[in-house]
C-alpha atoms as a PDB file:
ATOM      1  CA  MET A   1      -9.767  -5.056  31.591  1.00  0.00           C
ATOM      2  CA  LYS A   2      -8.307  -7.516  34.083  1.00  0.00           C
ATOM      3  CA  ASN A   3      -6.617 -10.782  33.198  1.00  0.00           C
ATOM      4  CA  LYS A   4      -9.335 -13.429  32.922  1.00  0.00           C
ATOM      5  CA  PHE A   5      -7.020 -16.334  33.802  1.00  0.00           C
ATOM      6  CA  ASP A   6      -4.259 -16.830  36.345  1.00  0.00           C
ATOM      7  CA  MET A   7      -1.776 -19.489  35.207  1.00  0.00           C
ATOM      8  CA  THR A   8       1.961 -19.983  35.197  1.00  0.00           C
ATOM      9  CA  THR A   9       3.733 -19.956  31.843  1.00  0.00           C
ATOM     10  CA  GLU A  10       4.190 -23.743  32.149  1.00  0.00           C
ATOM     11  CA  GLU A  11       0.465 -24.259  32.766  1.00  0.00           C
ATOM     12  CA  ASN A  12      -0.358 -22.051  29.796  1.00  0.00           C
ATOM     13  CA  ILE A  13       2.044 -23.975  27.566  1.00  0.00           C
ATOM     14  CA  PHE A  14       0.366 -27.202  28.713  1.00  0.00           C
ATOM     15  CA  LEU A  15      -3.004 -25.753  27.705  1.00  0.00           C
ATOM     16  CA  ALA A  16      -1.688 -24.705  24.281  1.00  0.00           C
ATOM     17  CA  LYS A  17      -0.108 -28.100  23.570  1.00  0.00           C
ATOM     18  CA  ARG A  18      -3.101 -30.059  24.806  1.00  0.00           C
ATOM     19  CA  ASN A  19      -5.534 -28.179  22.568  1.00  0.00           C
ATOM     20  CA  ILE A  20      -3.261 -27.210  19.706  1.00  0.00           C
ATOM     21  CA  VAL A  21      -5.259 -29.126  17.048  1.00  0.00           C
ATOM     22  CA  ASP A  22      -8.429 -27.389  18.222  1.00  0.00           C
ATOM     23  CA  TYR A  23      -6.781 -23.975  17.904  1.00  0.00           C
ATOM     24  CA  ILE A  24      -5.472 -24.777  14.463  1.00  0.00           C
ATOM     25  CA  TRP A  25      -8.878 -26.005  13.367  1.00  0.00           C
ATOM     26  CA  LYS A  26     -10.537 -22.812  14.569  1.00  0.00           C
ATOM     27  CA  SER A  27      -7.891 -20.582  12.964  1.00  0.00           C
ATOM     28  CA  ALA A  28      -8.296 -22.381   9.652  1.00  0.00           C
ATOM     29  CA  ASN A  29     -12.064 -21.961   9.780  1.00  0.00           C
ATOM     30  CA  LEU A  30     -11.631 -18.267  10.625  1.00  0.00           C
ATOM     31  CA  GLU A  31      -9.826 -17.989   7.263  1.00  0.00           C
ATOM     32  CA  GLY A  32     -12.676 -19.689   5.467  1.00  0.00           C
ATOM     33  CA  VAL A  33     -10.939 -23.055   5.171  1.00  0.00           C
ATOM     34  CA  ASN A  34     -13.719 -25.666   5.181  1.00  0.00           C
ATOM     35  CA  VAL A  35     -11.984 -28.352   7.172  1.00  0.00           C
ATOM     36  CA  THR A  36     -13.483 -30.440   9.997  1.00  0.00           C
ATOM     37  CA  PHE A  37     -11.813 -31.149  13.293  1.00  0.00           C
ATOM     38  CA  PRO A  38     -11.172 -34.824  12.461  1.00  0.00           C
ATOM     39  CA  GLN A  39      -9.607 -33.781   9.141  1.00  0.00           C
ATOM     40  CA  THR A  40      -7.459 -31.217  10.956  1.00  0.00           C
ATOM     41  CA  TYR A  41      -6.348 -33.856  13.434  1.00  0.00           C
ATOM     42  CA  ALA A  42      -5.427 -36.238  10.618  1.00  0.00           C
ATOM     43  CA  ILE A  43      -3.400 -33.583   8.801  1.00  0.00           C
ATOM     44  CA  TYR A  44      -1.665 -32.625  12.045  1.00  0.00           C
ATOM     45  CA  GLU A  45      -0.673 -36.268  12.607  1.00  0.00           C
ATOM     46  CA  LYS A  46       0.437 -36.650   8.965  1.00  0.00           C
ATOM     47  CA  ALA A  47      -2.259 -39.220   8.324  1.00  0.00           C
ATOM     48  CA  LYS A  48      -4.102 -39.699   5.034  1.00  0.00           C
ATOM     49  CA  VAL A  49      -7.078 -37.417   4.646  1.00  0.00           C
ATOM     50  CA  ASN A  50      -9.782 -37.409   2.019  1.00  0.00           C
ATOM     51  CA  ASP A  51     -11.837 -34.624   0.451  1.00  0.00           C
ATOM     52  CA  VAL A  52      -9.514 -31.795   1.481  1.00  0.00           C
ATOM     53  CA  SER A  53      -7.823 -29.626  -1.097  1.00  0.00           C
ATOM     54  CA  VAL A  54      -4.043 -29.277  -1.287  1.00  0.00           C
ATOM     55  CA  ASN A  55      -4.342 -25.608  -0.408  1.00  0.00           C
ATOM     56  CA  ASP A  56      -6.406 -26.331   2.684  1.00  0.00           C
ATOM     57  CA  ILE A  57      -3.982 -28.985   3.809  1.00  0.00           C
ATOM     58  CA  LEU A  58      -1.157 -26.472   3.363  1.00  0.00           C
ATOM     59  CA  THR A  59      -3.005 -23.943   5.540  1.00  0.00           C
ATOM     60  CA  VAL A  60      -3.287 -26.462   8.369  1.00  0.00           C
ATOM     61  CA  VAL A  61       0.335 -27.658   8.053  1.00  0.00           C
ATOM     62  CA  ASN A  62       1.555 -24.061   8.059  1.00  0.00           C
ATOM     63  CA  LEU A  63      -0.439 -23.300  11.196  1.00  0.00           C
ATOM     64  CA  LYS A  64       1.092 -26.354  12.851  1.00  0.00           C
ATOM     65  CA  HIS A  65       4.607 -25.114  12.058  1.00  0.00           C
ATOM     66  CA  ALA A  66       3.755 -21.586  13.153  1.00  0.00           C
ATOM     67  CA  TRP A  67       2.492 -22.816  16.517  1.00  0.00           C
ATOM     68  CA  GLN A  68       5.651 -24.870  16.971  1.00  0.00           C
ATOM     69  CA  THR A  69       7.755 -21.796  16.186  1.00  0.00           C
ATOM     70  CA  LEU A  70       5.739 -19.720  18.629  1.00  0.00           C
ATOM     71  CA  LEU A  71       6.080 -22.196  21.482  1.00  0.00           C
ATOM     72  CA  ASP A  72       9.808 -22.657  20.829  1.00  0.00           C
ATOM     73  CA  GLY A  73      10.255 -18.899  21.185  1.00  0.00           C
ATOM     74  CA  ILE A  74       8.463 -18.407  24.512  1.00  0.00           C
ATOM     75  CA  HIS A  75      10.631 -16.164  26.726  1.00  0.00           C
ATOM     76  CA  LYS A  76      13.220 -16.136  23.914  1.00  0.00           C
ATOM     77  CA  ASP A  77      11.838 -14.076  21.041  1.00  0.00           C
ATOM     78  CA  GLU A  78      11.131 -10.394  21.647  1.00  0.00           C
ATOM     79  CA  LEU A  79       7.684  -9.113  20.815  1.00  0.00           C
ATOM     80  CA  GLU A  80       8.782  -6.985  17.877  1.00  0.00           C
ATOM     81  CA  ILE A  81       7.884  -6.630  14.215  1.00  0.00           C
ATOM     82  CA  SER A  82      10.601  -9.199  13.473  1.00  0.00           C
ATOM     83  CA  LEU A  83       8.467 -11.733  15.401  1.00  0.00           C
ATOM     84  CA  PHE A  84       5.468 -10.936  13.213  1.00  0.00           C
ATOM     85  CA  CYS A  85       7.707 -11.619  10.201  1.00  0.00           C
ATOM     86  CA  LYS A  86       9.026 -14.851  11.693  1.00  0.00           C
ATOM     87  CA  ILE A  87       5.501 -16.172  12.384  1.00  0.00           C
ATOM     88  CA  ASN A  88       4.164 -15.055   9.025  1.00  0.00           C
ATOM     89  CA  ALA A  89       6.977 -16.882   7.303  1.00  0.00           C
ATOM     90  CA  GLU A  90       5.458 -20.087   8.653  1.00  0.00           C
ATOM     91  CA  VAL A  91       1.772 -19.135   8.408  1.00  0.00           C
ATOM     92  CA  SER A  92       1.925 -18.065   4.776  1.00  0.00           C
ATOM     93  CA  ARG A  93       4.702 -20.287   3.398  1.00  0.00           C
ATOM     94  CA  ASP A  94       3.967 -21.128  -0.256  1.00  0.00           C
ATOM     95  CA  GLU A  95       0.592 -19.377   0.055  1.00  0.00           C
ATOM     96  CA  SER A  96       1.511 -15.694  -0.280  1.00  0.00           C
ATOM     97  CA  LEU A  97       3.723 -13.182  -1.976  1.00  0.00           C
ATOM     98  CA  ALA A  98       7.014 -12.739  -0.080  1.00  0.00           C
ATOM     99  CA  TRP A  99       5.878 -14.561   3.041  1.00  0.00           C
ATOM    100  CA  GLY A 100       7.683 -13.299   6.140  1.00  0.00           C
ATOM    101  CA  SER A 101       8.336  -9.861   4.639  1.00  0.00           C
ATOM    102  CA  LEU A 102       6.312  -6.694   5.133  1.00  0.00           C
ATOM    103  CA  ARG A 103       3.857  -5.882   2.358  1.00  0.00           C
ATOM    104  CA  THR A 104       5.209  -3.524  -0.298  1.00  0.00           C
ATOM    105  CA  GLY A 105       2.042  -2.809  -2.269  1.00  0.00           C
ATOM    106  CA  GLU A 106      -1.520  -1.695  -1.734  1.00  0.00           C
ATOM    107  CA  VAL A 107      -4.355  -3.989  -0.651  1.00  0.00           C
ATOM    108  CA  SER A 108      -8.027  -3.650   0.157  1.00  0.00           C
ATOM    109  CA  ILE A 109     -10.082  -5.463   2.784  1.00  0.00           C
ATOM    110  CA  GLY A 110     -13.473  -6.895   1.936  1.00  0.00           C
ATOM    111  CA  GLY A 111     -16.460  -5.531   3.885  1.00  0.00           C
ATOM    112  CA  THR A 112     -14.919  -2.200   4.773  1.00  0.00           C
ATOM    113  CA  SER A 113     -13.929   1.076   3.114  1.00  0.00           C
ATOM    114  CA  TYR A 114     -10.693   1.155   5.105  1.00  0.00           C
ATOM    115  CA  ILE A 115      -7.537   0.984   2.976  1.00  0.00           C
ATOM    116  CA  PRO A 116      -4.475   0.049   5.038  1.00  0.00           C
ATOM    117  CA  PRO A 117      -1.355   2.056   4.184  1.00  0.00           C
ATOM    118  CA  ILE A 118       1.745   0.258   2.973  1.00  0.00           C
ATOM    119  CA  PRO A 119       3.552  -0.720   6.162  1.00  0.00           C
ATOM    120  CA  ASP A 120       6.592   1.192   7.376  1.00  0.00           C
ATOM    121  CA  HIS A 121       8.822  -0.875   9.655  1.00  0.00           C
ATOM    122  CA  ALA A 122       9.764   1.994  11.957  1.00  0.00           C
ATOM    123  CA  VAL A 123       6.181   3.252  12.290  1.00  0.00           C
ATOM    124  CA  ALA A 124       4.879  -0.234  13.007  1.00  0.00           C
ATOM    125  CA  GLU A 125       7.612  -0.863  15.575  1.00  0.00           C
ATOM    126  CA  GLU A 126       6.778   2.358  17.365  1.00  0.00           C
ATOM    127  CA  LYS A 127       3.086   1.524  17.482  1.00  0.00           C
ATOM    128  CA  LEU A 128       3.859  -1.872  18.910  1.00  0.00           C
ATOM    129  CA  ARG A 129       6.218  -0.295  21.480  1.00  0.00           C
ATOM    130  CA  GLN A 130       3.472   2.081  22.607  1.00  0.00           C
ATOM    131  CA  ILE A 131       1.031  -0.757  23.162  1.00  0.00           C
ATOM    132  CA  MET A 132       3.541  -2.741  25.189  1.00  0.00           C
ATOM    133  CA  ALA A 133       4.688   0.287  27.224  1.00  0.00           C
ATOM    134  CA  ASP A 134       1.226   1.043  28.658  1.00  0.00           C
ATOM    135  CA  ASP A 135       1.607  -0.108  32.273  1.00  0.00           C
ATOM    136  CA  GLY A 136      -2.019   0.701  33.003  1.00  0.00           C
ATOM    137  CA  LYS A 137      -3.250  -2.270  30.968  1.00  0.00           C
ATOM    138  CA  SER A 138      -3.233  -5.970  31.758  1.00  0.00           C
ATOM    139  CA  ALA A 139      -1.267  -8.430  29.636  1.00  0.00           C
ATOM    140  CA  THR A 140      -4.603  -9.680  28.222  1.00  0.00           C
ATOM    141  CA  GLU A 141      -5.639  -6.204  27.068  1.00  0.00           C
ATOM    142  CA  LYS A 142      -2.225  -5.586  25.532  1.00  0.00           C
ATOM    143  CA  ALA A 143      -2.389  -8.907  23.715  1.00  0.00           C
ATOM    144  CA  ILE A 144      -5.793  -8.113  22.251  1.00  0.00           C
ATOM    145  CA  GLU A 145      -4.538  -4.707  21.162  1.00  0.00           C
ATOM    146  CA  VAL A 146      -1.421  -6.250  19.588  1.00  0.00           C
ATOM    147  CA  MET A 147      -3.693  -8.610  17.667  1.00  0.00           C
ATOM    148  CA  ALA A 148      -5.985  -5.793  16.551  1.00  0.00           C
ATOM    149  CA  PHE A 149      -2.984  -3.708  15.462  1.00  0.00           C
ATOM    150  CA  GLY A 150      -1.563  -6.526  13.352  1.00  0.00           C
ATOM    151  CA  MET A 151      -4.889  -7.333  11.734  1.00  0.00           C
ATOM    152  CA  LYS A 152      -5.737  -3.729  10.838  1.00  0.00           C
ATOM    153  CA  SER A 153      -2.213  -2.873   9.713  1.00  0.00           C
ATOM    154  CA  GLN A 154      -2.278  -5.767   7.185  1.00  0.00           C
ATOM    155  CA  LEU A 155       1.491  -5.998   7.538  1.00  0.00           C
ATOM    156  CA  PHE A 156       1.700  -8.881   5.071  1.00  0.00           C
ATOM    157  CA  TRP A 157       0.205  -9.905   1.761  1.00  0.00           C
ATOM    158  CA  ASP A 158      -1.658 -12.753   3.412  1.00  0.00           C
ATOM    159  CA  GLY A 159      -2.165 -14.469   6.770  1.00  0.00           C
ATOM    160  CA  ASN A 160      -2.540 -11.325   8.829  1.00  0.00           C
ATOM    161  CA  LYS A 161      -5.297 -12.615  11.149  1.00  0.00           C
ATOM    162  CA  ARG A 162      -3.493 -15.914  11.772  1.00  0.00           C
ATOM    163  CA  THR A 163      -0.150 -14.163  12.297  1.00  0.00           C
ATOM    164  CA  SER A 164      -1.512 -11.478  14.590  1.00  0.00           C
ATOM    165  CA  MET A 165      -3.416 -13.926  16.774  1.00  0.00           C
ATOM    166  CA  LEU A 166      -0.357 -16.136  17.167  1.00  0.00           C
ATOM    167  CA  VAL A 167       1.879 -13.207  18.132  1.00  0.00           C
ATOM    168  CA  ALA A 168      -0.733 -12.070  20.642  1.00  0.00           C
ATOM    169  CA  ASN A 169      -0.809 -15.587  22.063  1.00  0.00           C
ATOM    170  CA  LYS A 170       2.921 -15.392  22.774  1.00  0.00           C
ATOM    171  CA  LEU A 171       2.159 -12.539  25.160  1.00  0.00           C
ATOM    172  CA  MET A 172      -0.857 -14.395  26.581  1.00  0.00           C
ATOM    173  CA  ILE A 173       1.163 -17.586  27.247  1.00  0.00           C
ATOM    174  CA  GLU A 174       4.173 -15.865  28.762  1.00  0.00           C
ATOM    175  CA  ASN A 175       1.886 -14.099  31.237  1.00  0.00           C
ATOM    176  CA  GLY A 176      -0.377 -17.089  31.971  1.00  0.00           C
ATOM    177  CA  CYS A 177      -3.434 -15.321  30.574  1.00  0.00           C
ATOM    178  CA  GLY A 178      -4.833 -18.156  28.457  1.00  0.00           C
ATOM    179  CA  ILE A 179      -5.213 -18.465  24.701  1.00  0.00           C
ATOM    180  CA  ILE A 180      -7.019 -16.264  22.202  1.00  0.00           C
ATOM    181  CA  SER A 181      -9.084 -18.480  19.899  1.00  0.00           C
ATOM    182  CA  VAL A 182     -12.287 -17.641  18.015  1.00  0.00           C
ATOM    183  CA  PRO A 183     -14.976 -20.340  18.444  1.00  0.00           C
ATOM    184  CA  VAL A 184     -16.354 -21.506  15.150  1.00  0.00           C
ATOM    185  CA  GLU A 185     -19.876 -20.425  16.162  1.00  0.00           C
ATOM    186  CA  GLN A 186     -18.535 -16.880  16.810  1.00  0.00           C
ATOM    187  CA  ILE A 187     -16.689 -16.377  13.539  1.00  0.00           C
ATOM    188  CA  GLU A 188     -19.394 -14.317  11.886  1.00  0.00           C
ATOM    189  CA  ALA A 189     -19.781 -12.063  14.929  1.00  0.00           C
ATOM    190  CA  PHE A 190     -16.017 -11.758  15.242  1.00  0.00           C
ATOM    191  CA  ASN A 191     -15.669 -10.643  11.621  1.00  0.00           C
ATOM    192  CA  THR A 192     -18.491  -8.136  12.142  1.00  0.00           C
ATOM    193  CA  VAL A 193     -16.839  -6.393  15.104  1.00  0.00           C
ATOM    194  CA  LEU A 194     -13.426  -6.548  13.357  1.00  0.00           C
ATOM    195  CA  SER A 195     -14.905  -4.902  10.259  1.00  0.00           C
ATOM    196  CA  TYR A 196     -16.428  -2.187  12.448  1.00  0.00           C
ATOM    197  CA  TYR A 197     -13.018  -1.590  14.000  1.00  0.00           C
ATOM    198  CA  TYR A 198     -11.398  -1.373  10.562  1.00  0.00           C
ATOM    199  CA  THR A 199     -13.952   1.131   9.324  1.00  0.00           C
ATOM    200  CA  TYR A 200     -14.374   3.424  12.326  1.00  0.00           C
ATOM    201  CA  ASP A 201     -11.101   2.836  14.244  1.00  0.00           C
ATOM    202  CA  LYS A 202     -13.042   2.213  17.462  1.00  0.00           C
ATOM    203  CA  LEU A 203     -11.390  -0.597  19.375  1.00  0.00           C
ATOM    204  CA  ASP A 204     -13.427  -0.969  22.565  1.00  0.00           C
ATOM    205  CA  GLU A 205     -16.180  -3.166  21.094  1.00  0.00           C
ATOM    206  CA  PHE A 206     -13.672  -5.471  19.452  1.00  0.00           C
ATOM    207  CA  LYS A 207     -11.619  -5.836  22.646  1.00  0.00           C
ATOM    208  CA  GLN A 208     -14.699  -6.583  24.726  1.00  0.00           C
ATOM    209  CA  PHE A 209     -15.916  -9.177  22.233  1.00  0.00           C
ATOM    210  CA  VAL A 210     -12.605 -10.990  22.259  1.00  0.00           C
ATOM    211  CA  TYR A 211     -12.469 -10.836  26.039  1.00  0.00           C
ATOM    212  CA  ASP A 212     -16.008 -12.196  26.430  1.00  0.00           C
ATOM    213  CA  HIS A 213     -16.026 -14.862  23.708  1.00  0.00           C
ATOM    214  CA  CYS A 214     -12.515 -15.723  22.540  1.00  0.00           C
ATOM    215  CA  LEU A 215     -10.373 -16.526  25.605  1.00  0.00           C
ATOM    216  CA  ASP A 216      -9.611 -20.048  26.770  1.00  0.00           C
ATOM    217  CA  GLY A 217      -7.902 -21.012  29.976  1.00  0.00           C
ATOM    218  CA  ILE A 218      -7.705 -23.339  32.986  1.00  0.00           C
ATOM    219  CA  SER A 219      -9.527 -22.537  36.220  1.00  0.00           C
ATOM    220  CA  PHE A 220      -7.643 -23.524  39.340  1.00  0.00           C
ATOM    221  CA  ALA A 221      -9.306 -23.752  42.766  1.00  0.00           C
ATOM    222  CA  GLY A 222      -8.273 -20.967  45.126  1.00  0.00           C
ATOM    223  CA  ARG A 223      -7.035 -18.535  42.450  1.00  0.00           C
ATOM    224  CA  ASN A 224     -10.103 -16.312  42.571  1.00  0.00           C
ATOM    225  CA  GLN A 225     -10.957 -16.788  38.928  1.00  0.00           C
ATOM    226  CA  SER A 226     -14.440 -17.497  37.563  1.00  0.00           C
ATOM    227  CA  ASP A 227     -16.043 -18.766  34.382  1.00  0.00           C
ATOM    228  CA  ASN A 228     -12.815 -20.387  33.222  1.00  0.00           C
ATOM    229  CA  GLU A 229     -12.829 -23.716  31.408  1.00  0.00           C
ATOM    230  CA  LEU A 230     -10.107 -26.021  30.192  1.00  0.00           C
ATOM    231  CA  LEU A 231     -10.828 -27.180  26.676  1.00  0.00           C
ATOM    232  CA  ASP A 232     -10.763 -30.967  26.682  1.00  0.00           C
ATOM    233  CA  LEU A 233     -11.133 -32.848  23.465  1.00  0.00           C
ATOM    234  CA  THR A 234     -13.222 -36.010  23.974  1.00  0.00           C
ATOM    235  CA  ASP A 235     -13.647 -38.979  21.659  1.00  0.00           C
ATOM    236  CA  ASP A 236     -17.135 -37.749  20.765  1.00  0.00           C
ATOM    237  CA  GLN A 237     -15.729 -34.318  19.784  1.00  0.00           C
ATOM    238  CA  LEU A 238     -13.031 -35.998  17.739  1.00  0.00           C
ATOM    239  CA  SER A 239     -15.564 -38.012  15.805  1.00  0.00           C
ATOM    240  CA  SER A 240     -18.022 -35.158  15.289  1.00  0.00           C
ATOM    241  CA  GLY A 241     -15.548 -32.339  14.643  1.00  0.00           C
ATOM    242  CA  ARG A 242     -17.490 -29.989  16.889  1.00  0.00           C
ATOM    243  CA  LYS A 243     -16.763 -28.272  20.195  1.00  0.00           C
END
């Protein structure tokens, strides 16, 4: 699985900042938060917004802070379990039990028979180290595996998908590989392949789906990349709330 995009870290940071509201909107919708793009934009800009619950506003604000924390830590924070905790502390602030700390009790996941074990810090750290140490895989493939690991492990009481995707995007950005973001129209299919991975522990289908449908980037002439597109939010998209 080759890198789909070829950017510098600075170019990738530009992409992330330019489209950050879009990524927040999509992440919120992935969690079942019924918020439109214009509403997300208003919340991000601290403007007044109508017909959005306090909890949904909190989800968007927390994602904003989590993205800011992520971008501030590019090439500074190590990709370790401590980073998962740091991001989750922003993602789940005032929404979860013990946000930013590893889960200490049992949970179940809807739609699958898989029951994630209570996380052990040393075991989780070793699994993460193994993913990162595989020199035969591209940064994109490692990032997708890091995301899958975090989601299936259910390291935290809440916010595991948001946290894991953000941590994976640190690796993507640092290596100029683009951004992982699930399009709203692909959410149902994404959850289907994720549930299959949870149940049967077969990762290939999930990785291929993310690679095919959930990567954003900038295509530059002469860099031998294809099918790449820079997300650009137009006035029409802003008014309609659709990509």
